Amino acid sequence: MEYIKLLGIVIVILGFALKLNSILIIISACVVTAFVSGMDMMTFLETLGNSFVSNRSMCTFIIVMLVTGTLERSGLKQAASALMGKMKNASAGIVLGVYGVLRMLFAAFNVEFGGVAGFVRPIVLPMAHAAAEKENKKISEKHMEELKGMSAGMENIAMFFGQVLFVGGSGMLLVQGTYKDLGYDVALADLAKTQIPVAIMALIVSITYYMIKNKKIEKQEHRKDEAS
């Protein structure tokens, strides 16, 4: 009879397989698991509250994923693509470059966007894709895979070098603690000032590289079109 306590997992698997409402699936799985385990309502709510508080970062991540999935079903990708369709002169490289600048600025203030899965895939990638499809010309699968890599790469680079500009971030505190163990008392503000030129240089190099790479791919695609 102990296996009946795993009924919540079955509900989650079946619910997502049938493409039902994500929030409803999770709530139903929680309630059923508590019921079959013999947990009363007060204990269930107390456990749920304690779990949320102790794992609030993970809960926030899950909520962002659920919201992103709901928005995607409502046409988020199409809206992002339609926006880029109005900007005729924008290229995929420019889109990624602008995103890299904004991402680093927000990361410097410890503002999260949702990462590759929560923001890049549903918003940035469709915008870069739409910018690459000029004059209604479909891009190749190889070009699309390159765009995926460049979009994720820009997110990782901008986030990595931008987050250490936030003086209260874990990365900055780790560096300060390491220096302190070595006998150097360094202020967080001084560490941030040192990191600023490094972050700017990393962003400039990344944007330049991705724009050149995207231009090279576009030329290759154009030659293929002319040959065919």
C-alpha atoms as a PDB file:
ATOM      1  CA  MET A   1       0.000   0.000   0.000  1.00  0.00           C
ATOM      2  CA  GLU A   2       3.007   2.294   0.296  1.00  0.00           C
ATOM      3  CA  TYR A   3       3.097   2.619  -3.485  1.00  0.00           C
ATOM      4  CA  ILE A   4      -0.229   4.460  -3.454  1.00  0.00           C
ATOM      5  CA  LYS A   5       1.622   7.467  -2.067  1.00  0.00           C
ATOM      6  CA  LEU A   6       3.258   7.785  -5.488  1.00  0.00           C
ATOM      7  CA  LEU A   7      -0.126   8.488  -7.061  1.00  0.00           C
ATOM      8  CA  GLY A   8       0.768  12.191  -7.270  1.00  0.00           C
ATOM      9  CA  ILE A   9       3.624  11.385  -9.668  1.00  0.00           C
ATOM     10  CA  VAL A  10       1.228   9.462 -11.902  1.00  0.00           C
ATOM     11  CA  ILE A  11      -1.126  12.467 -11.948  1.00  0.00           C
ATOM     12  CA  VAL A  12       1.718  14.777 -12.988  1.00  0.00           C
ATOM     13  CA  ILE A  13       2.849  12.449 -15.798  1.00  0.00           C
ATOM     14  CA  LEU A  14      -0.669  11.896 -17.139  1.00  0.00           C
ATOM     15  CA  GLY A  15      -1.592  15.569 -16.787  1.00  0.00           C
ATOM     16  CA  PHE A  16       1.355  16.830 -18.811  1.00  0.00           C
ATOM     17  CA  ALA A  17       0.956  13.998 -21.330  1.00  0.00           C
ATOM     18  CA  LEU A  18      -2.656  15.097 -21.889  1.00  0.00           C
ATOM     19  CA  LYS A  19      -1.545  18.762 -22.013  1.00  0.00           C
ATOM     20  CA  LEU A  20      -3.864  19.826 -19.202  1.00  0.00           C
ATOM     21  CA  ASN A  21      -3.535  23.041 -17.192  1.00  0.00           C
ATOM     22  CA  SER A  22      -0.089  23.004 -15.520  1.00  0.00           C
ATOM     23  CA  ILE A  23      -1.100  24.708 -12.275  1.00  0.00           C
ATOM     24  CA  LEU A  24      -4.159  22.478 -11.903  1.00  0.00           C
ATOM     25  CA  ILE A  25      -2.016  19.367 -12.401  1.00  0.00           C
ATOM     26  CA  ILE A  26       0.464  20.324  -9.683  1.00  0.00           C
ATOM     27  CA  ILE A  27      -2.188  21.361  -7.165  1.00  0.00           C
ATOM     28  CA  SER A  28      -4.161  18.169  -7.807  1.00  0.00           C
ATOM     29  CA  ALA A  29      -1.038  16.033  -7.370  1.00  0.00           C
ATOM     30  CA  CYS A  30      -0.251  17.771  -4.058  1.00  0.00           C
ATOM     31  CA  VAL A  31      -3.759  17.342  -2.680  1.00  0.00           C
ATOM     32  CA  VAL A  32      -4.038  13.685  -3.744  1.00  0.00           C
ATOM     33  CA  THR A  33      -0.608  12.855  -2.311  1.00  0.00           C
ATOM     34  CA  ALA A  34      -1.550  14.429   1.023  1.00  0.00           C
ATOM     35  CA  PHE A  35      -4.909  12.606   1.067  1.00  0.00           C
ATOM     36  CA  VAL A  36      -3.550   9.110   0.334  1.00  0.00           C
ATOM     37  CA  SER A  37      -0.778   9.672   2.911  1.00  0.00           C
ATOM     38  CA  GLY A  38      -3.360  10.304   5.625  1.00  0.00           C
ATOM     39  CA  MET A  39      -2.352  13.920   6.128  1.00  0.00           C
ATOM     40  CA  ASP A  40      -5.018  16.253   7.507  1.00  0.00           C
ATOM     41  CA  MET A  41      -5.705  19.625   5.882  1.00  0.00           C
ATOM     42  CA  MET A  42      -3.928  21.751   8.517  1.00  0.00           C
ATOM     43  CA  THR A  43      -0.795  19.601   8.350  1.00  0.00           C
ATOM     44  CA  PHE A  44      -0.914  19.723   4.561  1.00  0.00           C
ATOM     45  CA  LEU A  45      -1.121  23.532   4.482  1.00  0.00           C
ATOM     46  CA  GLU A  46       1.627  23.834   7.101  1.00  0.00           C
ATOM     47  CA  THR A  47       3.919  21.491   5.155  1.00  0.00           C
ATOM     48  CA  LEU A  48       3.180  23.331   1.935  1.00  0.00           C
ATOM     49  CA  GLY A  49       3.956  26.700   3.535  1.00  0.00           C
ATOM     50  CA  ASN A  50       7.197  25.517   5.144  1.00  0.00           C
ATOM     51  CA  SER A  51       8.341  23.927   1.878  1.00  0.00           C
ATOM     52  CA  PHE A  52       7.610  27.127  -0.026  1.00  0.00           C
ATOM     53  CA  VAL A  53       9.586  29.276   2.430  1.00  0.00           C
ATOM     54  CA  SER A  54      12.586  26.946   2.641  1.00  0.00           C
ATOM     55  CA  ASN A  55      12.699  26.425  -1.139  1.00  0.00           C
ATOM     56  CA  ARG A  56      11.337  29.771  -2.334  1.00  0.00           C
ATOM     57  CA  SER A  57      14.046  30.190  -4.972  1.00  0.00           C
ATOM     58  CA  MET A  58      13.097  26.894  -6.594  1.00  0.00           C
ATOM     59  CA  CYS A  59       9.393  27.714  -6.221  1.00  0.00           C
ATOM     60  CA  THR A  60       9.942  31.026  -7.986  1.00  0.00           C
ATOM     61  CA  PHE A  61      11.756  29.225 -10.797  1.00  0.00           C
ATOM     62  CA  ILE A  62       8.884  26.755 -11.181  1.00  0.00           C
ATOM     63  CA  ILE A  63       6.305  29.556 -11.181  1.00  0.00           C
ATOM     64  CA  VAL A  64       8.264  31.410 -13.883  1.00  0.00           C
ATOM     65  CA  MET A  65       8.365  28.246 -15.980  1.00  0.00           C
ATOM     66  CA  LEU A  66       4.614  27.740 -15.612  1.00  0.00           C
ATOM     67  CA  VAL A  67       3.871  31.354 -16.507  1.00  0.00           C
ATOM     68  CA  THR A  68       6.203  31.178 -19.506  1.00  0.00           C
ATOM     69  CA  GLY A  69       4.542  27.989 -20.723  1.00  0.00           C
ATOM     70  CA  THR A  70       1.102  29.569 -20.391  1.00  0.00           C
ATOM     71  CA  LEU A  71       2.220  32.658 -22.305  1.00  0.00           C
ATOM     72  CA  GLU A  72       3.729  30.509 -25.051  1.00  0.00           C
ATOM     73  CA  ARG A  73       0.414  28.731 -25.519  1.00  0.00           C
ATOM     74  CA  SER A  74      -1.233  32.142 -25.765  1.00  0.00           C
ATOM     75  CA  GLY A  75       1.019  33.277 -28.621  1.00  0.00           C
ATOM     76  CA  LEU A  76       4.111  34.779 -26.954  1.00  0.00           C
ATOM     77  CA  LYS A  77       6.448  33.602 -29.718  1.00  0.00           C
ATOM     78  CA  GLN A  78       4.142  34.921 -32.428  1.00  0.00           C
ATOM     79  CA  ALA A  79       3.947  38.313 -30.711  1.00  0.00           C
ATOM     80  CA  ALA A  80       7.748  38.524 -30.486  1.00  0.00           C
ATOM     81  CA  SER A  81       8.089  37.579 -34.150  1.00  0.00           C
ATOM     82  CA  ALA A  82       5.433  40.110 -35.188  1.00  0.00           C
ATOM     83  CA  LEU A  83       7.311  42.842 -33.313  1.00  0.00           C
ATOM     84  CA  MET A  84      10.503  42.121 -35.224  1.00  0.00           C
ATOM     85  CA  GLY A  85       8.552  42.043 -38.487  1.00  0.00           C
ATOM     86  CA  LYS A  86       7.915  45.770 -38.059  1.00  0.00           C
ATOM     87  CA  MET A  87      11.665  46.494 -37.776  1.00  0.00           C
ATOM     88  CA  LYS A  88      12.897  45.921 -41.305  1.00  0.00           C
ATOM     89  CA  ASN A  89      16.528  46.917 -40.727  1.00  0.00           C
ATOM     90  CA  ALA A  90      17.075  44.762 -37.647  1.00  0.00           C
ATOM     91  CA  SER A  91      19.251  41.668 -38.043  1.00  0.00           C
ATOM     92  CA  ALA A  92      19.633  38.695 -35.723  1.00  0.00           C
ATOM     93  CA  GLY A  93      23.066  39.969 -34.683  1.00  0.00           C
ATOM     94  CA  ILE A  94      21.655  43.380 -33.723  1.00  0.00           C
ATOM     95  CA  VAL A  95      18.837  41.752 -31.744  1.00  0.00           C
ATOM     96  CA  LEU A  96      21.293  39.619 -29.771  1.00  0.00           C
ATOM     97  CA  GLY A  97      23.602  42.587 -29.236  1.00  0.00           C
ATOM     98  CA  VAL A  98      20.843  44.785 -27.846  1.00  0.00           C
ATOM     99  CA  TYR A  99      19.682  41.947 -25.603  1.00  0.00           C
ATOM    100  CA  GLY A 100      23.244  41.423 -24.344  1.00  0.00           C
ATOM    101  CA  VAL A 101      23.534  45.075 -23.292  1.00  0.00           C
ATOM    102  CA  LEU A 102      20.157  45.065 -21.531  1.00  0.00           C
ATOM    103  CA  ARG A 103      20.848  41.706 -19.898  1.00  0.00           C
ATOM    104  CA  MET A 104      24.136  42.872 -18.430  1.00  0.00           C
ATOM    105  CA  LEU A 105      22.621  46.122 -17.146  1.00  0.00           C
ATOM    106  CA  PHE A 106      19.815  44.268 -15.390  1.00  0.00           C
ATOM    107  CA  ALA A 107      22.197  41.608 -14.069  1.00  0.00           C
ATOM    108  CA  ALA A 108      24.288  44.374 -12.499  1.00  0.00           C
ATOM    109  CA  PHE A 109      21.225  45.206 -10.381  1.00  0.00           C
ATOM    110  CA  ASN A 110      20.524  41.507  -9.686  1.00  0.00           C
ATOM    111  CA  VAL A 111      17.353  41.462 -11.807  1.00  0.00           C
ATOM    112  CA  GLU A 112      16.530  38.028 -13.224  1.00  0.00           C
ATOM    113  CA  PHE A 113      14.839  37.476 -16.594  1.00  0.00           C
ATOM    114  CA  GLY A 114      14.247  33.751 -16.337  1.00  0.00           C
ATOM    115  CA  GLY A 115      17.354  32.468 -18.086  1.00  0.00           C
ATOM    116  CA  VAL A 116      17.575  30.487 -21.307  1.00  0.00           C
ATOM    117  CA  ALA A 117      14.417  28.446 -20.732  1.00  0.00           C
ATOM    118  CA  GLY A 118      12.274  31.199 -19.252  1.00  0.00           C
ATOM    119  CA  PHE A 119      13.171  34.173 -21.455  1.00  0.00           C
ATOM    120  CA  VAL A 120      15.634  33.452 -24.248  1.00  0.00           C
ATOM    121  CA  ARG A 121      13.747  30.533 -25.796  1.00  0.00           C
ATOM    122  CA  PRO A 122      10.246  32.064 -25.825  1.00  0.00           C
ATOM    123  CA  ILE A 123      11.179  35.701 -26.541  1.00  0.00           C
ATOM    124  CA  VAL A 124      14.763  36.426 -27.638  1.00  0.00           C
ATOM    125  CA  LEU A 125      15.136  33.467 -30.014  1.00  0.00           C
ATOM    126  CA  PRO A 126      11.847  34.135 -31.892  1.00  0.00           C
ATOM    127  CA  MET A 127      12.849  37.786 -32.286  1.00  0.00           C
ATOM    128  CA  ALA A 128      16.261  36.798 -33.671  1.00  0.00           C
ATOM    129  CA  HIS A 129      14.581  34.204 -35.891  1.00  0.00           C
ATOM    130  CA  ALA A 130      12.123  36.753 -37.285  1.00  0.00           C
ATOM    131  CA  ALA A 131      14.943  39.245 -37.892  1.00  0.00           C
ATOM    132  CA  ALA A 132      16.882  36.584 -39.811  1.00  0.00           C
ATOM    133  CA  GLU A 133      13.908  35.760 -42.055  1.00  0.00           C
ATOM    134  CA  LYS A 134      14.062  38.812 -44.277  1.00  0.00           C
ATOM    135  CA  GLU A 135      11.687  39.186 -47.205  1.00  0.00           C
ATOM    136  CA  ASN A 136       9.780  36.085 -46.068  1.00  0.00           C
ATOM    137  CA  LYS A 137      12.752  33.847 -46.849  1.00  0.00           C
ATOM    138  CA  LYS A 138      12.885  30.838 -44.543  1.00  0.00           C
ATOM    139  CA  ILE A 139      16.237  30.151 -42.914  1.00  0.00           C
ATOM    140  CA  SER A 140      17.848  26.724 -42.964  1.00  0.00           C
ATOM    141  CA  GLU A 141      17.845  24.317 -40.033  1.00  0.00           C
ATOM    142  CA  LYS A 142      21.590  24.860 -39.592  1.00  0.00           C
ATOM    143  CA  HIS A 143      21.073  28.616 -39.396  1.00  0.00           C
ATOM    144  CA  MET A 144      18.341  28.101 -36.804  1.00  0.00           C
ATOM    145  CA  GLU A 145      20.630  25.916 -34.683  1.00  0.00           C
ATOM    146  CA  GLU A 146      23.318  28.598 -34.849  1.00  0.00           C
ATOM    147  CA  LEU A 147      20.789  31.187 -33.667  1.00  0.00           C
ATOM    148  CA  LYS A 148      19.870  28.968 -30.715  1.00  0.00           C
ATOM    149  CA  GLY A 149      23.515  28.688 -29.716  1.00  0.00           C
ATOM    150  CA  MET A 150      24.190  32.406 -30.100  1.00  0.00           C
ATOM    151  CA  SER A 151      21.073  33.358 -28.129  1.00  0.00           C
ATOM    152  CA  ALA A 152      21.972  31.064 -25.246  1.00  0.00           C
ATOM    153  CA  GLY A 153      25.595  32.170 -25.409  1.00  0.00           C
ATOM    154  CA  MET A 154      24.700  35.840 -25.157  1.00  0.00           C
ATOM    155  CA  GLU A 155      22.516  35.127 -22.131  1.00  0.00           C
ATOM    156  CA  ASN A 156      25.279  33.214 -20.363  1.00  0.00           C
ATOM    157  CA  ILE A 157      28.013  35.754 -21.089  1.00  0.00           C
ATOM    158  CA  ALA A 158      25.978  38.827 -20.160  1.00  0.00           C
ATOM    159  CA  MET A 159      24.620  37.168 -17.022  1.00  0.00           C
ATOM    160  CA  PHE A 160      27.991  35.798 -15.906  1.00  0.00           C
ATOM    161  CA  PHE A 161      29.924  39.041 -16.225  1.00  0.00           C
ATOM    162  CA  GLY A 162      26.998  41.227 -15.175  1.00  0.00           C
ATOM    163  CA  GLN A 163      26.052  39.472 -11.953  1.00  0.00           C
ATOM    164  CA  VAL A 164      29.456  40.082 -10.357  1.00  0.00           C
ATOM    165  CA  LEU A 165      28.870  43.826 -10.717  1.00  0.00           C
ATOM    166  CA  PHE A 166      26.184  43.551  -8.042  1.00  0.00           C
ATOM    167  CA  VAL A 167      27.972  44.147  -4.735  1.00  0.00           C
ATOM    168  CA  GLY A 168      25.529  41.983  -2.776  1.00  0.00           C
ATOM    169  CA  GLY A 169      25.733  39.010  -5.128  1.00  0.00           C
ATOM    170  CA  SER A 170      26.986  35.590  -4.072  1.00  0.00           C
ATOM    171  CA  GLY A 171      29.788  35.687  -6.631  1.00  0.00           C
ATOM    172  CA  MET A 172      31.144  38.967  -5.300  1.00  0.00           C
ATOM    173  CA  LEU A 173      30.921  37.748  -1.697  1.00  0.00           C
ATOM    174  CA  LEU A 174      32.781  34.577  -2.649  1.00  0.00           C
ATOM    175  CA  VAL A 175      35.616  36.579  -4.197  1.00  0.00           C
ATOM    176  CA  GLN A 176      35.779  38.867  -1.162  1.00  0.00           C
ATOM    177  CA  GLY A 177      35.860  35.864   1.190  1.00  0.00           C
ATOM    178  CA  THR A 178      38.642  34.232  -0.830  1.00  0.00           C
ATOM    179  CA  TYR A 179      40.747  37.396  -0.699  1.00  0.00           C
ATOM    180  CA  LYS A 180      40.119  37.695   3.055  1.00  0.00           C
ATOM    181  CA  ASP A 181      41.388  34.155   3.625  1.00  0.00           C
ATOM    182  CA  LEU A 182      44.552  35.109   1.747  1.00  0.00           C
ATOM    183  CA  GLY A 183      45.040  38.135   3.984  1.00  0.00           C
ATOM    184  CA  TYR A 184      43.627  40.863   1.733  1.00  0.00           C
ATOM    185  CA  ASP A 185      40.793  43.031   3.036  1.00  0.00           C
ATOM    186  CA  VAL A 186      39.002  44.225  -0.108  1.00  0.00           C
ATOM    187  CA  ALA A 187      35.766  46.239  -0.188  1.00  0.00           C
ATOM    188  CA  LEU A 188      32.920  45.011  -2.377  1.00  0.00           C
ATOM    189  CA  ALA A 189      32.707  48.382  -4.134  1.00  0.00           C
ATOM    190  CA  ASP A 190      36.391  48.146  -5.136  1.00  0.00           C
ATOM    191  CA  LEU A 191      35.832  44.651  -6.535  1.00  0.00           C
ATOM    192  CA  ALA A 192      32.883  45.929  -8.596  1.00  0.00           C
ATOM    193  CA  LYS A 193      34.964  48.795  -9.993  1.00  0.00           C
ATOM    194  CA  THR A 194      37.651  46.319 -11.023  1.00  0.00           C
ATOM    195  CA  GLN A 195      35.110  44.094 -12.738  1.00  0.00           C
ATOM    196  CA  ILE A 196      33.417  46.870 -14.766  1.00  0.00           C
ATOM    197  CA  PRO A 197      36.052  47.140 -17.565  1.00  0.00           C
ATOM    198  CA  VAL A 198      36.273  43.332 -17.744  1.00  0.00           C
ATOM    199  CA  ALA A 199      32.496  43.029 -18.157  1.00  0.00           C
ATOM    200  CA  ILE A 200      32.370  45.768 -20.797  1.00  0.00           C
ATOM    201  CA  MET A 201      35.201  44.208 -22.773  1.00  0.00           C
ATOM    202  CA  ALA A 202      33.597  40.759 -22.597  1.00  0.00           C
ATOM    203  CA  LEU A 203      30.295  42.175 -23.850  1.00  0.00           C
ATOM    204  CA  ILE A 204      31.931  44.099 -26.724  1.00  0.00           C
ATOM    205  CA  VAL A 205      33.886  41.040 -27.845  1.00  0.00           C
ATOM    206  CA  SER A 206      30.776  38.830 -27.641  1.00  0.00           C
ATOM    207  CA  ILE A 207      28.549  41.228 -29.580  1.00  0.00           C
ATOM    208  CA  THR A 208      31.214  41.742 -32.256  1.00  0.00           C
ATOM    209  CA  TYR A 209      31.791  38.010 -32.597  1.00  0.00           C
ATOM    210  CA  TYR A 210      28.099  37.146 -32.868  1.00  0.00           C
ATOM    211  CA  MET A 211      27.396  39.932 -35.371  1.00  0.00           C
ATOM    212  CA  ILE A 212      30.301  38.822 -37.581  1.00  0.00           C
ATOM    213  CA  LYS A 213      29.256  35.195 -37.264  1.00  0.00           C
ATOM    214  CA  ASN A 214      25.633  35.986 -38.112  1.00  0.00           C
ATOM    215  CA  LYS A 215      26.737  38.052 -41.124  1.00  0.00           C
ATOM    216  CA  LYS A 216      28.873  35.167 -42.327  1.00  0.00           C
ATOM    217  CA  ILE A 217      25.952  32.722 -42.000  1.00  0.00           C
ATOM    218  CA  GLU A 218      23.642  35.108 -43.880  1.00  0.00           C
ATOM    219  CA  LYS A 219      26.141  35.321 -46.751  1.00  0.00           C
ATOM    220  CA  GLN A 220      26.371  31.530 -46.885  1.00  0.00           C
ATOM    221  CA  GLU A 221      22.576  31.293 -46.963  1.00  0.00           C
ATOM    222  CA  HIS A 222      22.440  33.895 -49.748  1.00  0.00           C
ATOM    223  CA  ARG A 223      24.943  31.944 -51.863  1.00  0.00           C
ATOM    224  CA  LYS A 224      22.859  28.782 -51.417  1.00  0.00           C
ATOM    225  CA  ASP A 225      19.729  30.634 -52.559  1.00  0.00           C
ATOM    226  CA  GLU A 226      21.509  31.952 -55.634  1.00  0.00           C
ATOM    227  CA  ALA A 227      22.903  28.507 -56.458  1.00  0.00           C
ATOM    228  CA  SER A 228      19.477  26.927 -56.208  1.00  0.00           C
END
